[in-house]
Amino acid sequence: MSYTTETYEADTAQLRQINSNIIALDEKTLEAERRSYHTFFDVHVVQTEDGYILVEEADYGELPMHLIDQIVYTATGKMDDEF
C-alpha cells in the first residue's frame, strides 16, 4: 500500500485533530481534579461543540439531561467540613 499526497495529508490532519482533542480533555480533567479539592460538589467535564467545559453541580442544582448526556469525566468533591 502506498500513500498519495492527498491521503497522507488527510491522515495527518486527522491525527492532529485527535491529539488536540486528547490534550484538551486531559487539561480539563486535571482542572476538574484540582477544583474538586475546594468544593463539596462533583465537578463534571462536559463535551460541547467548542471543546470541553467544567460544570459544578452546585452551579445548576439538578443537572439537565442534555448536560448529563455529554459528561465525559466526573471528579468527586473532596472538601470535608468534619475535622
PDB file of N, CA and C in Angstrom:
ATOM      1  N   MET A   1       0.838  -1.169   0.000  1.00  0.00           N
ATOM      2  CA  MET A   1       0.000   0.000   0.000  1.00  0.00           C
ATOM      3  C   MET A   1       0.885   1.234   0.000  1.00  0.00           C
ATOM      4  N   SER A   2       0.576   2.153  -0.851  1.00  0.00           N
ATOM      5  CA  SER A   2       1.356   3.385  -0.902  1.00  0.00           C
ATOM      6  C   SER A   2       0.438   4.578  -0.698  1.00  0.00           C
ATOM      7  N   TYR A   3       0.975   5.568  -0.060  1.00  0.00           N
ATOM      8  CA  TYR A   3       0.218   6.791   0.200  1.00  0.00           C
ATOM      9  C   TYR A   3       0.346   7.754  -0.962  1.00  0.00           C
ATOM     10  N   THR A   4      -0.746   8.391  -1.283  1.00  0.00           N
ATOM     11  CA  THR A   4      -0.675   9.527  -2.184  1.00  0.00           C
ATOM     12  C   THR A   4      -0.575  10.765  -1.300  1.00  0.00           C
ATOM     13  N   THR A   5      -0.237  11.853  -1.867  1.00  0.00           N
ATOM     14  CA  THR A   5      -0.089  13.086  -1.096  1.00  0.00           C
ATOM     15  C   THR A   5      -1.394  13.450  -0.401  1.00  0.00           C
ATOM     16  N   GLU A   6      -2.510  13.290  -1.088  1.00  0.00           N
ATOM     17  CA  GLU A   6      -3.799  13.665  -0.514  1.00  0.00           C
ATOM     18  C   GLU A   6      -4.169  12.789   0.681  1.00  0.00           C
ATOM     19  N   THR A   7      -3.977  11.486   0.565  1.00  0.00           N
ATOM     20  CA  THR A   7      -4.335  10.600   1.675  1.00  0.00           C
ATOM     21  C   THR A   7      -3.406  10.818   2.867  1.00  0.00           C
ATOM     22  N   TYR A   8      -2.132  11.056   2.603  1.00  0.00           N
ATOM     23  CA  TYR A   8      -1.185  11.317   3.681  1.00  0.00           C
ATOM     24  C   TYR A   8      -1.565  12.590   4.432  1.00  0.00           C
ATOM     25  N   GLU A   9      -1.891  13.646   3.698  1.00  0.00           N
ATOM     26  CA  GLU A   9      -2.266  14.909   4.331  1.00  0.00           C
ATOM     27  C   GLU A   9      -3.581  14.767   5.105  1.00  0.00           C
ATOM     28  N   ALA A  10      -4.513  14.013   4.567  1.00  0.00           N
ATOM     29  CA  ALA A  10      -5.786  13.789   5.262  1.00  0.00           C
ATOM     30  C   ALA A  10      -5.564  13.005   6.551  1.00  0.00           C
ATOM     31  N   ASP A  11      -4.747  11.966   6.513  1.00  0.00           N
ATOM     32  CA  ASP A  11      -4.449  11.181   7.708  1.00  0.00           C
ATOM     33  C   ASP A  11      -3.718  12.019   8.746  1.00  0.00           C
ATOM     34  N   THR A  12      -2.774  12.832   8.312  1.00  0.00           N
ATOM     35  CA  THR A  12      -2.016  13.682   9.225  1.00  0.00           C
ATOM     36  C   THR A  12      -2.933  14.705   9.887  1.00  0.00           C
ATOM     37  N   ALA A  13      -3.830  15.304   9.118  1.00  0.00           N
ATOM     38  CA  ALA A  13      -4.769  16.286   9.677  1.00  0.00           C
ATOM     39  C   ALA A  13      -5.685  15.634  10.705  1.00  0.00           C
ATOM     40  N   GLN A  14      -6.119  14.419  10.428  1.00  0.00           N
ATOM     41  CA  GLN A  14      -6.997  13.716  11.370  1.00  0.00           C
ATOM     42  C   GLN A  14      -6.253  13.399  12.662  1.00  0.00           C
ATOM     43  N   LEU A  15      -5.003  12.976  12.571  1.00  0.00           N
ATOM     44  CA  LEU A  15      -4.215  12.688  13.771  1.00  0.00           C
ATOM     45  C   LEU A  15      -3.990  13.947  14.598  1.00  0.00           C
ATOM     46  N   ARG A  16      -3.739  15.075  13.950  1.00  0.00           N
ATOM     47  CA  ARG A  16      -3.571  16.333  14.686  1.00  0.00           C
ATOM     48  C   ARG A  16      -4.845  16.693  15.435  1.00  0.00           C
ATOM     49  N   GLN A  17      -6.001  16.486  14.806  1.00  0.00           N
ATOM     50  CA  GLN A  17      -7.278  16.785  15.459  1.00  0.00           C
ATOM     51  C   GLN A  17      -7.489  15.873  16.663  1.00  0.00           C
ATOM     52  N   ILE A  18      -7.185  14.591  16.522  1.00  0.00           N
ATOM     53  CA  ILE A  18      -7.322  13.643  17.638  1.00  0.00           C
ATOM     54  C   ILE A  18      -6.407  14.051  18.782  1.00  0.00           C
ATOM     55  N   ASN A  19      -5.152  14.383  18.475  1.00  0.00           N
ATOM     56  CA  ASN A  19      -4.211  14.761  19.525  1.00  0.00           C
ATOM     57  C   ASN A  19      -4.650  16.024  20.247  1.00  0.00           C
ATOM     58  N   SER A  20      -5.169  17.021  19.530  1.00  0.00           N
ATOM     59  CA  SER A  20      -5.595  18.249  20.196  1.00  0.00           C
ATOM     60  C   SER A  20      -6.821  17.994  21.071  1.00  0.00           C
ATOM     61  N   ASN A  21      -7.715  17.100  20.663  1.00  0.00           N
ATOM     62  CA  ASN A  21      -8.868  16.752  21.497  1.00  0.00           C
ATOM     63  C   ASN A  21      -8.434  16.030  22.764  1.00  0.00           C
ATOM     64  N   ILE A  22      -7.468  15.133  22.645  1.00  0.00           N
ATOM     65  CA  ILE A  22      -6.970  14.400  23.810  1.00  0.00           C
ATOM     66  C   ILE A  22      -6.290  15.354  24.784  1.00  0.00           C
ATOM     67  N   ILE A  23      -5.507  16.277  24.268  1.00  0.00           N
ATOM     68  CA  ILE A  23      -4.828  17.248  25.122  1.00  0.00           C
ATOM     69  C   ILE A  23      -5.839  18.145  25.827  1.00  0.00           C
ATOM     70  N   ALA A  24      -6.851  18.602  25.105  1.00  0.00           N
ATOM     71  CA  ALA A  24      -7.883  19.451  25.709  1.00  0.00           C
ATOM     72  C   ALA A  24      -8.631  18.705  26.803  1.00  0.00           C
ATOM     73  N   LEU A  25      -8.952  17.442  26.565  1.00  0.00           N
ATOM     74  CA  LEU A  25      -9.633  16.642  27.576  1.00  0.00           C
ATOM     75  C   LEU A  25      -8.746  16.430  28.794  1.00  0.00           C
ATOM     76  N   ASP A  26      -7.475  16.139  28.581  1.00  0.00           N
ATOM     77  CA  ASP A  26      -6.545  15.967  29.704  1.00  0.00           C
ATOM     78  C   ASP A  26      -6.446  17.233  30.546  1.00  0.00           C
ATOM     79  N   GLU A  27      -6.378  18.384  29.887  1.00  0.00           N
ATOM     80  CA  GLU A  27      -6.285  19.651  30.619  1.00  0.00           C
ATOM     81  C   GLU A  27      -7.531  19.895  31.462  1.00  0.00           C
ATOM     82  N   LYS A  28      -8.705  19.652  30.898  1.00  0.00           N
ATOM     83  CA  LYS A  28      -9.947  19.856  31.652  1.00  0.00           C
ATOM     84  C   LYS A  28     -10.103  18.831  32.769  1.00  0.00           C
ATOM     85  N   THR A  29      -9.635  17.610  32.545  1.00  0.00           N
ATOM     86  CA  THR A  29      -9.678  16.583  33.585  1.00  0.00           C
ATOM     87  C   THR A  29      -8.819  16.995  34.778  1.00  0.00           C
ATOM     88  N   LEU A  30      -7.622  17.464  34.506  1.00  0.00           N
ATOM     89  CA  LEU A  30      -6.740  17.920  35.585  1.00  0.00           C
ATOM     90  C   LEU A  30      -7.324  19.132  36.293  1.00  0.00           C
ATOM     91  N   GLU A  31      -7.929  20.046  35.533  1.00  0.00           N
ATOM     92  CA  GLU A  31      -8.548  21.221  36.136  1.00  0.00           C
ATOM     93  C   GLU A  31      -9.723  20.821  37.035  1.00  0.00           C
ATOM     94  N   ALA A  32     -10.505  19.836  36.599  1.00  0.00           N
ATOM     95  CA  ALA A  32     -11.622  19.348  37.418  1.00  0.00           C
ATOM     96  C   ALA A  32     -11.110  18.717  38.708  1.00  0.00           C
ATOM     97  N   GLU A  33     -10.041  17.948  38.613  1.00  0.00           N
ATOM     98  CA  GLU A  33      -9.470  17.333  39.821  1.00  0.00           C
ATOM     99  C   GLU A  33      -8.950  18.393  40.787  1.00  0.00           C
ATOM    100  N   ARG A  34      -8.265  19.410  40.274  1.00  0.00           N
ATOM    101  CA  ARG A  34      -7.770  20.480  41.149  1.00  0.00           C
ATOM    102  C   ARG A  34      -8.931  21.219  41.809  1.00  0.00           C
ATOM    103  N   ARG A  35      -9.957  21.488  41.047  1.00  0.00           N
ATOM    104  CA  ARG A  35     -11.113  22.218  41.565  1.00  0.00           C
ATOM    105  C   ARG A  35     -11.891  21.383  42.597  1.00  0.00           C
ATOM    106  N   SER A  36     -11.878  20.067  42.438  1.00  0.00           N
ATOM    107  CA  SER A  36     -12.654  19.196  43.327  1.00  0.00           C
ATOM    108  C   SER A  36     -12.148  19.227  44.771  1.00  0.00           C
ATOM    109  N   TYR A  37     -10.906  19.630  44.998  1.00  0.00           N
ATOM    110  CA  TYR A  37     -10.372  19.712  46.359  1.00  0.00           C
ATOM    111  C   TYR A  37     -10.944  20.896  47.129  1.00  0.00           C
ATOM    112  N   HIS A  38     -11.617  21.808  46.440  1.00  0.00           N
ATOM    113  CA  HIS A  38     -12.121  23.028  47.067  1.00  0.00           C
ATOM    114  C   HIS A  38     -13.637  23.135  47.004  1.00  0.00           C
ATOM    115  N   THR A  39     -14.329  22.012  46.834  1.00  0.00           N
ATOM    116  CA  THR A  39     -15.777  22.032  46.751  1.00  0.00           C
ATOM    117  C   THR A  39     -16.374  20.768  47.370  1.00  0.00           C
ATOM    118  N   PHE A  40     -17.613  20.887  47.809  1.00  0.00           N
ATOM    119  CA  PHE A  40     -18.351  19.731  48.313  1.00  0.00           C
ATOM    120  C   PHE A  40     -19.038  18.969  47.182  1.00  0.00           C
ATOM    121  N   PHE A  41     -19.150  19.595  46.014  1.00  0.00           N
ATOM    122  CA  PHE A  41     -19.942  19.062  44.920  1.00  0.00           C
ATOM    123  C   PHE A  41     -19.063  18.419  43.850  1.00  0.00           C
ATOM    124  N   ASP A  42     -19.654  17.537  43.065  1.00  0.00           N
ATOM    125  CA  ASP A  42     -18.937  16.919  41.955  1.00  0.00           C
ATOM    126  C   ASP A  42     -18.678  17.948  40.863  1.00  0.00           C
ATOM    127  N   VAL A  43     -17.526  17.799  40.213  1.00  0.00           N
ATOM    128  CA  VAL A  43     -17.163  18.667  39.096  1.00  0.00           C
ATOM    129  C   VAL A  43     -17.130  17.794  37.846  1.00  0.00           C
ATOM    130  N   HIS A  44     -17.916  18.158  36.847  1.00  0.00           N
ATOM    131  CA  HIS A  44     -18.044  17.357  35.633  1.00  0.00           C
ATOM    132  C   HIS A  44     -17.329  18.036  34.467  1.00  0.00           C
ATOM    133  N   VAL A  45     -16.691  17.231  33.630  1.00  0.00           N
ATOM    134  CA  VAL A  45     -16.167  17.712  32.355  1.00  0.00           C
ATOM    135  C   VAL A  45     -17.209  17.355  31.309  1.00  0.00           C
ATOM    136  N   VAL A  46     -17.711  18.379  30.623  1.00  0.00           N
ATOM    137  CA  VAL A  46     -18.782  18.210  29.653  1.00  0.00           C
ATOM    138  C   VAL A  46     -18.252  18.545  28.270  1.00  0.00           C
ATOM    139  N   GLN A  47     -18.524  17.671  27.305  1.00  0.00           N
ATOM    140  CA  GLN A  47     -18.089  17.905  25.931  1.00  0.00           C
ATOM    141  C   GLN A  47     -19.128  18.760  25.210  1.00  0.00           C
ATOM    142  N   THR A  48     -18.667  19.849  24.590  1.00  0.00           N
ATOM    143  CA  THR A  48     -19.531  20.727  23.809  1.00  0.00           C
ATOM    144  C   THR A  48     -19.021  20.773  22.377  1.00  0.00           C
ATOM    145  N   GLU A  49     -19.716  21.514  21.542  1.00  0.00           N
ATOM    146  CA  GLU A  49     -19.273  21.656  20.154  1.00  0.00           C
ATOM    147  C   GLU A  49     -17.934  22.371  20.065  1.00  0.00           C
ATOM    148  N   ASP A  50     -17.663  23.271  21.033  1.00  0.00           N
ATOM    149  CA  ASP A  50     -16.437  24.067  21.016  1.00  0.00           C
ATOM    150  C   ASP A  50     -15.295  23.438  21.793  1.00  0.00           C
ATOM    151  N   GLY A  51     -15.507  22.328  22.434  1.00  0.00           N
ATOM    152  CA  GLY A  51     -14.470  21.694  23.238  1.00  0.00           C
ATOM    153  C   GLY A  51     -15.055  21.126  24.512  1.00  0.00           C
ATOM    154  N   TYR A  52     -14.380  21.402  25.628  1.00  0.00           N
ATOM    155  CA  TYR A  52     -14.808  20.874  26.921  1.00  0.00           C
ATOM    156  C   TYR A  52     -14.995  22.026  27.898  1.00  0.00           C
ATOM    157  N   ILE A  53     -15.985  21.891  28.775  1.00  0.00           N
ATOM    158  CA  ILE A  53     -16.223  22.871  29.834  1.00  0.00           C
ATOM    159  C   ILE A  53     -16.361  22.139  31.162  1.00  0.00           C
ATOM    160  N   LEU A  54     -16.187  22.886  32.251  1.00  0.00           N
ATOM    161  CA  LEU A  54     -16.386  22.335  33.582  1.00  0.00           C
ATOM    162  C   LEU A  54     -17.729  22.801  34.117  1.00  0.00           C
ATOM    163  N   VAL A  55     -18.466  21.880  34.727  1.00  0.00           N
ATOM    164  CA  VAL A  55     -19.745  22.197  35.344  1.00  0.00           C
ATOM    165  C   VAL A  55     -19.723  21.611  36.746  1.00  0.00           C
ATOM    166  N   GLU A  56     -19.954  22.474  37.719  1.00  0.00           N
ATOM    167  CA  GLU A  56     -20.045  22.022  39.103  1.00  0.00           C
ATOM    168  C   GLU A  56     -21.520  21.874  39.443  1.00  0.00           C
ATOM    169  N   GLU A  57     -21.892  20.802  40.094  1.00  0.00           N
ATOM    170  CA  GLU A  57     -23.304  20.540  40.381  1.00  0.00           C
ATOM    171  C   GLU A  57     -23.948  21.674  41.153  1.00  0.00           C
ATOM    172  N   ALA A  58     -23.217  22.357  42.002  1.00  0.00           N
ATOM    173  CA  ALA A  58     -23.780  23.452  42.779  1.00  0.00           C
ATOM    174  C   ALA A  58     -24.189  24.616  41.889  1.00  0.00           C
ATOM    175  N   ASP A  59     -23.587  24.727  40.712  1.00  0.00           N
ATOM    176  CA  ASP A  59     -23.907  25.822  39.802  1.00  0.00           C
ATOM    177  C   ASP A  59     -25.333  25.726  39.275  1.00  0.00           C
ATOM    178  N   TYR A  60     -25.837  24.531  39.097  1.00  0.00           N
ATOM    179  CA  TYR A  60     -27.119  24.330  38.442  1.00  0.00           C
ATOM    180  C   TYR A  60     -28.131  23.564  39.272  1.00  0.00           C
ATOM    181  N   GLY A  61     -27.788  23.138  40.458  1.00  0.00           N
ATOM    182  CA  GLY A  61     -28.686  22.260  41.210  1.00  0.00           C
ATOM    183  C   GLY A  61     -28.724  20.914  40.509  1.00  0.00           C
ATOM    184  N   GLU A  62     -29.903  20.488  40.132  1.00  0.00           N
ATOM    185  CA  GLU A  62     -30.027  19.236  39.386  1.00  0.00           C
ATOM    186  C   GLU A  62     -29.672  19.508  37.924  1.00  0.00           C
ATOM    187  N   LEU A  63     -28.750  18.721  37.394  1.00  0.00           N
ATOM    188  CA  LEU A  63     -28.299  18.941  36.020  1.00  0.00           C
ATOM    189  C   LEU A  63     -29.362  18.521  35.011  1.00  0.00           C
ATOM    190  N   PRO A  64     -29.535  19.313  33.946  1.00  0.00           N
ATOM    191  CA  PRO A  64     -30.474  18.921  32.896  1.00  0.00           C
ATOM    192  C   PRO A  64     -29.929  17.740  32.086  1.00  0.00           C
ATOM    193  N   MET A  65     -30.818  16.992  31.474  1.00  0.00           N
ATOM    194  CA  MET A  65     -30.420  15.784  30.743  1.00  0.00           C
ATOM    195  C   MET A  65     -29.443  16.064  29.613  1.00  0.00           C
ATOM    196  N   HIS A  66     -29.573  17.206  28.930  1.00  0.00           N
ATOM    197  CA  HIS A  66     -28.653  17.467  27.814  1.00  0.00           C
ATOM    198  C   HIS A  66     -27.218  17.631  28.304  1.00  0.00           C
ATOM    199  N   LEU A  67     -27.022  18.078  29.550  1.00  0.00           N
ATOM    200  CA  LEU A  67     -25.678  18.138  30.109  1.00  0.00           C
ATOM    201  C   LEU A  67     -25.221  16.769  30.592  1.00  0.00           C
ATOM    202  N   ILE A  68     -26.115  16.034  31.206  1.00  0.00           N
ATOM    203  CA  ILE A  68     -25.775  14.705  31.721  1.00  0.00           C
ATOM    204  C   ILE A  68     -25.314  13.792  30.585  1.00  0.00           C
ATOM    205  N   ASP A  69     -25.984  13.890  29.451  1.00  0.00           N
ATOM    206  CA  ASP A  69     -25.629  13.048  28.304  1.00  0.00           C
ATOM    207  C   ASP A  69     -24.252  13.356  27.747  1.00  0.00           C
ATOM    208  N   GLN A  70     -23.730  14.550  28.009  1.00  0.00           N
ATOM    209  CA  GLN A  70     -22.445  14.951  27.438  1.00  0.00           C
ATOM    210  C   GLN A  70     -21.298  14.913  28.441  1.00  0.00           C
ATOM    211  N   ILE A  71     -21.532  14.401  29.644  1.00  0.00           N
ATOM    212  CA  ILE A  71     -20.461  14.293  30.644  1.00  0.00           C
ATOM    213  C   ILE A  71     -19.473  13.216  30.215  1.00  0.00           C
ATOM    214  N   VAL A  72     -18.182  13.584  30.207  1.00  0.00           N
ATOM    215  CA  VAL A  72     -17.148  12.614  29.846  1.00  0.00           C
ATOM    216  C   VAL A  72     -16.248  12.258  31.029  1.00  0.00           C
ATOM    217  N   TYR A  73     -16.312  13.050  32.113  1.00  0.00           N
ATOM    218  CA  TYR A  73     -15.491  12.763  33.293  1.00  0.00           C
ATOM    219  C   TYR A  73     -16.119  13.458  34.499  1.00  0.00           C
ATOM    220  N   THR A  74     -16.045  12.824  35.655  1.00  0.00           N
ATOM    221  CA  THR A  74     -16.537  13.416  36.895  1.00  0.00           C
ATOM    222  C   THR A  74     -15.491  13.279  37.982  1.00  0.00           C
ATOM    223  N   ALA A  75     -15.176  14.421  38.609  1.00  0.00           N
ATOM    224  CA  ALA A  75     -14.284  14.427  39.763  1.00  0.00           C
ATOM    225  C   ALA A  75     -15.154  14.654  41.004  1.00  0.00           C
ATOM    226  N   THR A  76     -15.101  13.754  41.939  1.00  0.00           N
ATOM    227  CA  THR A  76     -15.903  13.850  43.156  1.00  0.00           C
ATOM    228  C   THR A  76     -15.378  14.959  44.049  1.00  0.00           C
ATOM    229  N   GLY A  77     -16.308  15.769  44.587  1.00  0.00           N
ATOM    230  CA  GLY A  77     -15.913  16.832  45.513  1.00  0.00           C
ATOM    231  C   GLY A  77     -15.230  16.252  46.729  1.00  0.00           C
ATOM    232  N   LYS A  78     -14.076  16.792  47.084  1.00  0.00           N
ATOM    233  CA  LYS A  78     -13.264  16.201  48.152  1.00  0.00           C
ATOM    234  C   LYS A  78     -13.203  17.053  49.411  1.00  0.00           C
ATOM    235  N   MET A  79     -13.872  18.206  49.403  1.00  0.00           N
ATOM    236  CA  MET A  79     -13.843  19.073  50.568  1.00  0.00           C
ATOM    237  C   MET A  79     -14.684  18.436  51.672  1.00  0.00           C
ATOM    238  N   ASP A  80     -14.164  18.465  52.880  1.00  0.00           N
ATOM    239  CA  ASP A  80     -14.863  17.832  54.010  1.00  0.00           C
ATOM    240  C   ASP A  80     -14.891  18.844  55.152  1.00  0.00           C
ATOM    241  N   ASP A  81     -16.068  19.073  55.723  1.00  0.00           N
ATOM    242  CA  ASP A  81     -16.172  20.044  56.809  1.00  0.00           C
ATOM    243  C   ASP A  81     -16.026  19.414  58.179  1.00  0.00           C
ATOM    244  N   GLU A  82     -15.743  18.123  58.227  1.00  0.00           N
ATOM    245  CA  GLU A  82     -15.513  17.465  59.512  1.00  0.00           C
ATOM    246  C   GLU A  82     -14.016  17.415  59.803  1.00  0.00           C
ATOM    247  N   PHE A  83     -13.645  17.895  60.985  1.00  0.00           N
ATOM    248  CA  PHE A  83     -12.227  17.922  61.337  1.00  0.00           C
ATOM    249  C   PHE A  83     -11.855  16.817  62.261  1.00  0.00           C
TER     250      PHE A  83
END
